[in-house]
Amino acid sequence: MCAQSAKSAASATLPAIRSSQRLRGDAFYWGQLMAGALLGSIPVALIYSFFVKYYVAGLTAGAVKG
């Protein structure tokens, strides 16, 4: 195992290179994924902040008995 890791990339075979590229430590690009999640949540937060008054009024009106 140690001898294999000491080999240079130039002497590695094509399947070994491809598998090492696929099996890198992280399977996802977390930075890009989190940036997209943040950009996707901004419109939702803006819409909610404008309509929170009506949202709360509807919740409290539905909770009143009688």
N, C-alpha and C. Protein backbone atom coordinates (compact mmCIF):
# COMPACT_ATOMS: atom_id res chain seq x y z
N MET A 1 0.83 -1.19 0.00
CA MET A 1 0.00 0.00 0.00
C MET A 1 0.87 1.26 0.00
N CYS A 2 1.91 1.28 0.83
CA CYS A 2 2.78 2.44 0.87
C CYS A 2 3.56 2.59 -0.42
N ALA A 3 3.92 1.46 -1.03
CA ALA A 3 4.65 1.52 -2.28
C ALA A 3 3.78 2.08 -3.40
N GLN A 4 2.50 1.77 -3.37
CA GLN A 4 1.60 2.29 -4.40
C GLN A 4 1.41 3.79 -4.27
N SER A 5 1.33 4.27 -3.06
CA SER A 5 1.12 5.70 -2.88
C SER A 5 2.37 6.51 -3.20
N ALA A 6 3.53 5.86 -3.19
CA ALA A 6 4.77 6.55 -3.49
C ALA A 6 5.01 6.67 -4.99
N LYS A 7 4.27 5.92 -5.81
CA LYS A 7 4.43 6.01 -7.26
C LYS A 7 3.98 7.37 -7.76
N SER A 8 4.60 7.79 -8.84
CA SER A 8 4.19 9.06 -9.43
C SER A 8 2.98 8.84 -10.33
N ALA A 9 2.29 9.90 -10.64
CA ALA A 9 1.10 9.80 -11.48
C ALA A 9 1.46 9.42 -12.91
N ALA A 10 2.67 9.72 -13.33
CA ALA A 10 3.10 9.39 -14.68
C ALA A 10 3.23 7.88 -14.88
N SER A 11 3.55 7.15 -13.84
CA SER A 11 3.72 5.70 -13.98
C SER A 11 2.44 4.93 -13.66
N ALA A 12 1.38 5.60 -13.29
CA ALA A 12 0.12 4.93 -12.95
C ALA A 12 -0.63 4.59 -14.23
N THR A 13 -1.41 3.52 -14.17
CA THR A 13 -2.22 3.14 -15.32
C THR A 13 -3.47 4.00 -15.39
N LEU A 14 -4.13 3.99 -16.53
CA LEU A 14 -5.31 4.82 -16.72
C LEU A 14 -6.44 4.47 -15.77
N PRO A 15 -6.77 3.18 -15.54
CA PRO A 15 -7.84 2.89 -14.57
C PRO A 15 -7.50 3.35 -13.15
N ALA A 16 -6.25 3.30 -12.77
CA ALA A 16 -5.86 3.76 -11.44
C ALA A 16 -6.01 5.26 -11.31
N ILE A 17 -5.70 5.97 -12.38
CA ILE A 17 -5.84 7.43 -12.35
C ILE A 17 -7.32 7.81 -12.28
N ARG A 18 -8.16 7.16 -13.10
CA ARG A 18 -9.59 7.47 -13.13
C ARG A 18 -10.26 7.15 -11.78
N SER A 19 -9.89 6.01 -11.18
CA SER A 19 -10.51 5.67 -9.90
C SER A 19 -10.05 6.61 -8.80
N SER A 20 -8.82 7.06 -8.85
CA SER A 20 -8.36 8.00 -7.82
C SER A 20 -9.02 9.36 -8.00
N GLN A 21 -9.37 9.72 -9.23
CA GLN A 21 -10.07 10.98 -9.44
C GLN A 21 -11.51 10.89 -8.94
N ARG A 22 -12.14 9.72 -9.10
CA ARG A 22 -13.52 9.55 -8.63
C ARG A 22 -13.59 9.40 -7.13
N LEU A 23 -12.60 8.80 -6.54
CA LEU A 23 -12.62 8.50 -5.11
C LEU A 23 -11.84 9.54 -4.32
N ARG A 24 -11.95 10.77 -4.70
CA ARG A 24 -11.31 11.80 -3.89
C ARG A 24 -12.07 11.93 -2.58
N GLY A 25 -11.53 12.62 -1.63
CA GLY A 25 -12.09 12.64 -0.30
C GLY A 25 -13.50 13.20 -0.20
N ASP A 26 -13.87 14.12 -1.03
CA ASP A 26 -15.16 14.78 -0.92
C ASP A 26 -15.95 14.55 -2.20
N ALA A 27 -17.14 14.04 -2.08
CA ALA A 27 -17.93 13.70 -3.26
C ALA A 27 -18.72 14.89 -3.79
N PHE A 28 -18.90 15.92 -3.00
CA PHE A 28 -19.68 17.08 -3.41
C PHE A 28 -18.84 18.34 -3.36
N TYR A 29 -19.22 19.31 -4.15
CA TYR A 29 -18.58 20.62 -4.10
C TYR A 29 -19.37 21.46 -3.11
N TRP A 30 -19.01 21.38 -1.84
CA TRP A 30 -19.81 21.98 -0.78
C TRP A 30 -19.88 23.48 -0.88
N GLY A 31 -18.83 24.14 -1.30
CA GLY A 31 -18.86 25.60 -1.41
C GLY A 31 -19.89 26.07 -2.41
N GLN A 32 -19.90 25.46 -3.59
CA GLN A 32 -20.87 25.83 -4.61
C GLN A 32 -22.27 25.43 -4.20
N LEU A 33 -22.41 24.30 -3.53
CA LEU A 33 -23.72 23.84 -3.08
C LEU A 33 -24.31 24.79 -2.05
N MET A 34 -23.52 25.23 -1.10
CA MET A 34 -24.00 26.14 -0.07
C MET A 34 -24.26 27.55 -0.64
N ALA A 35 -23.46 27.98 -1.60
CA ALA A 35 -23.71 29.28 -2.24
C ALA A 35 -25.04 29.25 -2.99
N GLY A 36 -25.33 28.15 -3.66
CA GLY A 36 -26.61 28.02 -4.35
C GLY A 36 -27.77 27.97 -3.39
N ALA A 37 -27.59 27.30 -2.26
CA ALA A 37 -28.65 27.24 -1.25
C ALA A 37 -28.92 28.62 -0.67
N LEU A 38 -27.88 29.37 -0.43
CA LEU A 38 -28.05 30.73 0.10
C LEU A 38 -28.76 31.62 -0.91
N LEU A 39 -28.34 31.55 -2.16
CA LEU A 39 -28.98 32.37 -3.18
C LEU A 39 -30.43 31.96 -3.41
N GLY A 40 -30.73 30.69 -3.23
CA GLY A 40 -32.09 30.22 -3.39
C GLY A 40 -32.99 30.60 -2.23
N SER A 41 -32.42 30.79 -1.05
CA SER A 41 -33.23 31.13 0.12
C SER A 41 -33.47 32.63 0.28
N ILE A 42 -32.70 33.44 -0.40
CA ILE A 42 -32.87 34.90 -0.28
C ILE A 42 -34.25 35.36 -0.76
N PRO A 43 -34.75 34.94 -1.92
CA PRO A 43 -36.10 35.37 -2.32
C PRO A 43 -37.19 34.91 -1.35
N VAL A 44 -37.06 33.72 -0.81
CA VAL A 44 -38.04 33.22 0.15
C VAL A 44 -38.05 34.09 1.40
N ALA A 45 -36.87 34.44 1.90
CA ALA A 45 -36.78 35.28 3.09
C ALA A 45 -37.32 36.68 2.83
N LEU A 46 -37.09 37.22 1.65
CA LEU A 46 -37.62 38.55 1.33
C LEU A 46 -39.14 38.54 1.23
N ILE A 47 -39.69 37.54 0.56
CA ILE A 47 -41.15 37.45 0.44
C ILE A 47 -41.78 37.27 1.82
N TYR A 48 -41.18 36.42 2.65
CA TYR A 48 -41.71 36.19 4.00
C TYR A 48 -41.67 37.48 4.82
N SER A 49 -40.58 38.22 4.71
CA SER A 49 -40.48 39.45 5.51
C SER A 49 -41.53 40.48 5.13
N PHE A 50 -41.96 40.49 3.86
CA PHE A 50 -43.00 41.44 3.45
C PHE A 50 -44.40 40.99 3.84
N PHE A 51 -44.62 39.69 3.93
CA PHE A 51 -45.96 39.17 4.19
C PHE A 51 -46.14 38.55 5.58
N VAL A 52 -45.19 38.74 6.47
CA VAL A 52 -45.27 38.13 7.80
C VAL A 52 -46.46 38.69 8.59
N LYS A 53 -46.79 39.93 8.37
CA LYS A 53 -47.93 40.54 9.08
C LYS A 53 -49.23 39.80 8.73
N TYR A 54 -49.43 39.52 7.45
CA TYR A 54 -50.63 38.82 7.02
C TYR A 54 -50.61 37.35 7.43
N TYR A 55 -49.43 36.77 7.46
CA TYR A 55 -49.28 35.37 7.87
C TYR A 55 -49.67 35.20 9.34
N VAL A 56 -49.17 36.05 10.19
CA VAL A 56 -49.49 35.99 11.61
C VAL A 56 -50.96 36.32 11.86
N ALA A 57 -51.51 37.28 11.11
CA ALA A 57 -52.92 37.62 11.27
C ALA A 57 -53.81 36.44 10.89
N GLY A 58 -53.44 35.71 9.86
CA GLY A 58 -54.21 34.55 9.46
C GLY A 58 -54.10 33.41 10.46
N LEU A 59 -52.94 33.24 11.04
CA LEU A 59 -52.78 32.20 12.06
C LEU A 59 -53.60 32.51 13.30
N THR A 60 -53.58 33.75 13.74
CA THR A 60 -54.30 34.11 14.96
C THR A 60 -55.80 34.16 14.72
N ALA A 61 -56.23 34.56 13.52
CA ALA A 61 -57.67 34.58 13.24
C ALA A 61 -58.23 33.18 13.17
N GLY A 62 -57.46 32.22 12.69
CA GLY A 62 -57.91 30.85 12.64
C GLY A 62 -57.90 30.16 13.98
N ALA A 63 -57.16 30.70 14.91
CA ALA A 63 -57.06 30.06 16.22
C ALA A 63 -58.12 30.55 17.20
N VAL A 64 -58.84 31.60 16.86
CA VAL A 64 -59.86 32.16 17.75
C VAL A 64 -61.11 31.29 17.67
N LYS A 65 -61.60 30.90 18.80
CA LYS A 65 -62.78 30.05 18.85
C LYS A 65 -64.03 30.92 18.95
N GLY A 66 -65.00 30.57 18.15
CA GLY A 66 -66.28 31.24 18.31
C GLY A 66 -66.61 32.10 17.22
